[in-house]
């Protein structure tokens, strides 16, 4: 399962994506960002200007468990 997620993200390295991060209790954070790097357990995204930290990391299991949703 993680392999499929990595393959799909690999196709979109360098592209701008929209990420919704589920914080629980119907609360979400949304980010416009660019997928930068993939590692064994996590991937890095670079935030657009004025969105807090310049780089964030997410795990592939966040996608599988639907804690984050990525819109390409």
N, C-alpha and C. Protein backbone atom coordinates (compact mmCIF):
# COMPACT_ATOMS: atom_id res chain seq x y z
N UNK A 1 0.82 -1.19 0.00
CA UNK A 1 0.00 0.00 0.00
C UNK A 1 0.87 1.26 0.00
N UNK A 2 1.88 1.29 0.86
CA UNK A 2 2.76 2.46 0.92
C UNK A 2 3.48 2.63 -0.40
N UNK A 3 3.85 1.54 -1.04
CA UNK A 3 4.52 1.60 -2.34
C UNK A 3 3.68 2.31 -3.38
N UNK A 4 2.39 2.05 -3.40
CA UNK A 4 1.49 2.71 -4.36
C UNK A 4 1.41 4.21 -4.10
N UNK A 5 1.37 4.58 -2.82
CA UNK A 5 1.32 6.00 -2.45
C UNK A 5 2.60 6.69 -2.91
N UNK A 6 3.75 6.06 -2.66
CA UNK A 6 5.04 6.65 -3.06
C UNK A 6 5.11 6.80 -4.57
N UNK A 7 4.64 5.80 -5.31
CA UNK A 7 4.66 5.87 -6.77
C UNK A 7 3.83 7.05 -7.27
N UNK A 8 2.65 7.23 -6.69
CA UNK A 8 1.79 8.33 -7.11
C UNK A 8 2.42 9.68 -6.79
N UNK A 9 3.00 9.83 -5.59
CA UNK A 9 3.64 11.09 -5.23
C UNK A 9 4.86 11.36 -6.10
N UNK A 10 5.58 10.31 -6.47
CA UNK A 10 6.76 10.45 -7.31
C UNK A 10 6.43 11.11 -8.64
N UNK A 11 5.25 10.84 -9.16
CA UNK A 11 4.81 11.42 -10.43
C UNK A 11 4.61 12.93 -10.32
N UNK A 12 4.43 13.42 -9.09
CA UNK A 12 4.08 14.83 -8.89
C UNK A 12 5.17 15.63 -8.17
N UNK A 13 6.38 15.11 -8.10
CA UNK A 13 7.48 15.87 -7.49
C UNK A 13 7.69 17.15 -8.28
N UNK A 14 7.78 18.26 -7.56
CA UNK A 14 8.00 19.56 -8.19
C UNK A 14 6.71 20.26 -8.60
N UNK A 15 5.58 19.59 -8.46
CA UNK A 15 4.30 20.20 -8.83
C UNK A 15 3.65 20.85 -7.62
N UNK A 16 2.84 21.85 -7.89
CA UNK A 16 2.09 22.49 -6.82
C UNK A 16 0.85 21.66 -6.52
N UNK A 17 0.61 21.41 -5.23
CA UNK A 17 -0.54 20.61 -4.80
C UNK A 17 -1.26 21.34 -3.67
N UNK A 18 -2.47 20.90 -3.39
CA UNK A 18 -3.26 21.43 -2.28
C UNK A 18 -3.44 20.30 -1.28
N UNK A 19 -3.05 20.53 -0.02
CA UNK A 19 -3.13 19.51 1.02
C UNK A 19 -4.11 19.96 2.10
N UNK A 20 -5.02 19.07 2.48
CA UNK A 20 -5.89 19.29 3.62
C UNK A 20 -5.45 18.32 4.71
N UNK A 21 -5.12 18.85 5.87
CA UNK A 21 -4.63 18.06 7.00
C UNK A 21 -5.72 18.02 8.06
N UNK A 22 -6.21 16.82 8.39
CA UNK A 22 -7.29 16.65 9.36
C UNK A 22 -6.72 16.68 10.77
N UNK A 23 -7.15 17.64 11.58
CA UNK A 23 -6.66 17.80 12.94
C UNK A 23 -7.57 17.11 13.96
N UNK A 24 -8.69 16.60 13.53
CA UNK A 24 -9.64 15.97 14.44
C UNK A 24 -10.80 16.91 14.73
N UNK A 25 -11.92 16.32 15.12
CA UNK A 25 -13.12 17.08 15.48
C UNK A 25 -13.52 18.11 14.43
N UNK A 26 -13.52 17.67 13.17
CA UNK A 26 -13.92 18.50 12.04
C UNK A 26 -13.07 19.75 11.86
N UNK A 27 -11.82 19.70 12.27
CA UNK A 27 -10.89 20.81 12.08
C UNK A 27 -9.86 20.41 11.04
N UNK A 28 -9.57 21.35 10.13
CA UNK A 28 -8.62 21.10 9.05
C UNK A 28 -7.66 22.27 8.92
N UNK A 29 -6.46 21.97 8.45
CA UNK A 29 -5.52 22.99 7.98
C UNK A 29 -5.33 22.73 6.51
N UNK A 30 -5.20 23.78 5.74
CA UNK A 30 -5.01 23.65 4.30
C UNK A 30 -3.72 24.33 3.88
N UNK A 31 -3.03 23.72 2.94
CA UNK A 31 -1.75 24.25 2.47
C UNK A 31 -1.68 24.21 0.95
N UNK A 32 -1.16 25.27 0.34
CA UNK A 32 -0.71 25.26 -1.04
C UNK A 32 0.77 25.00 -0.95
N UNK A 33 1.26 23.96 -1.58
CA UNK A 33 2.67 23.62 -1.44
C UNK A 33 3.17 22.86 -2.66
N UNK A 34 4.47 22.60 -2.66
CA UNK A 34 5.13 21.86 -3.74
C UNK A 34 5.79 20.64 -3.12
N UNK A 35 5.57 19.47 -3.72
CA UNK A 35 6.22 18.25 -3.23
C UNK A 35 7.69 18.32 -3.61
N UNK A 36 8.58 18.22 -2.62
CA UNK A 36 10.01 18.36 -2.86
C UNK A 36 10.78 17.05 -2.87
N UNK A 37 10.66 16.25 -1.80
CA UNK A 37 11.48 15.04 -1.69
C UNK A 37 10.69 13.90 -1.08
N UNK A 38 11.03 12.68 -1.49
CA UNK A 38 10.43 11.48 -0.92
C UNK A 38 11.50 10.68 -0.20
N UNK A 39 11.18 10.21 0.97
CA UNK A 39 12.08 9.36 1.75
C UNK A 39 11.36 8.05 2.05
N UNK A 40 12.01 7.16 2.79
CA UNK A 40 11.42 5.85 3.08
C UNK A 40 10.07 5.94 3.78
N UNK A 41 9.95 6.79 4.78
CA UNK A 41 8.73 6.85 5.58
C UNK A 41 7.98 8.17 5.51
N UNK A 42 8.61 9.20 4.98
CA UNK A 42 7.99 10.53 4.93
C UNK A 42 8.28 11.19 3.59
N UNK A 43 7.51 12.25 3.31
CA UNK A 43 7.80 13.09 2.17
C UNK A 43 7.77 14.54 2.62
N UNK A 44 8.54 15.38 1.93
CA UNK A 44 8.66 16.79 2.29
C UNK A 44 7.93 17.65 1.28
N UNK A 45 7.27 18.68 1.79
CA UNK A 45 6.63 19.66 0.93
C UNK A 45 7.13 21.05 1.32
N UNK A 46 7.25 21.90 0.34
CA UNK A 46 7.67 23.28 0.56
C UNK A 46 6.45 24.17 0.46
N UNK A 47 6.22 24.92 1.51
CA UNK A 47 5.03 25.78 1.58
C UNK A 47 5.19 26.98 0.66
N UNK A 48 4.05 27.48 0.20
CA UNK A 48 4.04 28.74 -0.52
C UNK A 48 4.29 29.84 0.51
N UNK A 49 4.54 31.04 0.07
CA UNK A 49 4.83 32.15 0.98
C UNK A 49 3.70 32.38 1.99
N UNK A 50 4.07 32.87 3.16
CA UNK A 50 3.14 33.27 4.21
C UNK A 50 2.29 32.13 4.76
N UNK A 51 2.80 30.92 4.76
CA UNK A 51 2.03 29.80 5.33
C UNK A 51 2.78 29.14 6.47
N UNK A 52 3.56 29.89 7.23
CA UNK A 52 4.24 29.32 8.38
C UNK A 52 5.60 28.76 8.01
N UNK A 53 5.89 27.56 8.50
CA UNK A 53 7.18 26.93 8.26
C UNK A 53 7.40 26.72 6.77
N UNK A 54 8.64 26.91 6.30
CA UNK A 54 8.88 26.77 4.86
C UNK A 54 8.82 25.32 4.37
N UNK A 55 9.13 24.35 5.24
CA UNK A 55 9.12 22.93 4.85
C UNK A 55 8.33 22.15 5.90
N UNK A 56 7.46 21.25 5.45
CA UNK A 56 6.74 20.35 6.35
C UNK A 56 6.94 18.93 5.87
N UNK A 57 6.83 17.99 6.79
CA UNK A 57 6.92 16.58 6.41
C UNK A 57 5.64 15.87 6.80
N UNK A 58 5.26 14.90 6.00
CA UNK A 58 4.10 14.07 6.25
C UNK A 58 4.49 12.62 5.99
N UNK A 59 3.83 11.70 6.66
CA UNK A 59 4.12 10.29 6.42
C UNK A 59 3.14 9.74 5.38
N UNK A 60 3.54 8.66 4.74
CA UNK A 60 2.68 8.01 3.76
C UNK A 60 1.45 7.42 4.44
N UNK A 61 1.60 7.00 5.69
CA UNK A 61 0.45 6.45 6.41
C UNK A 61 -0.61 7.51 6.68
N UNK A 62 -0.21 8.79 6.72
CA UNK A 62 -1.20 9.87 6.85
C UNK A 62 -2.16 9.86 5.66
N UNK A 63 -1.65 9.55 4.49
CA UNK A 63 -2.49 9.48 3.29
C UNK A 63 -3.38 8.25 3.35
N UNK A 64 -2.80 7.11 3.73
CA UNK A 64 -3.55 5.86 3.78
C UNK A 64 -4.69 5.95 4.80
N UNK A 65 -4.42 6.55 5.96
CA UNK A 65 -5.44 6.67 7.01
C UNK A 65 -6.35 7.88 6.80
N UNK A 66 -6.12 8.61 5.74
CA UNK A 66 -6.91 9.79 5.36
C UNK A 66 -6.82 10.94 6.36
N UNK A 67 -5.68 11.03 7.06
CA UNK A 67 -5.44 12.21 7.90
C UNK A 67 -5.08 13.40 7.03
N UNK A 68 -4.51 13.13 5.85
CA UNK A 68 -4.31 14.21 4.88
C UNK A 68 -4.88 13.78 3.55
N UNK A 69 -5.30 14.78 2.80
CA UNK A 69 -5.79 14.55 1.44
C UNK A 69 -5.01 15.49 0.53
N UNK A 70 -4.55 14.93 -0.57
CA UNK A 70 -3.77 15.72 -1.52
C UNK A 70 -4.57 15.85 -2.81
N UNK A 71 -4.68 17.09 -3.27
CA UNK A 71 -5.36 17.38 -4.54
C UNK A 71 -4.30 17.85 -5.53
N UNK A 72 -4.08 17.07 -6.55
CA UNK A 72 -3.06 17.39 -7.55
C UNK A 72 -3.58 18.37 -8.57
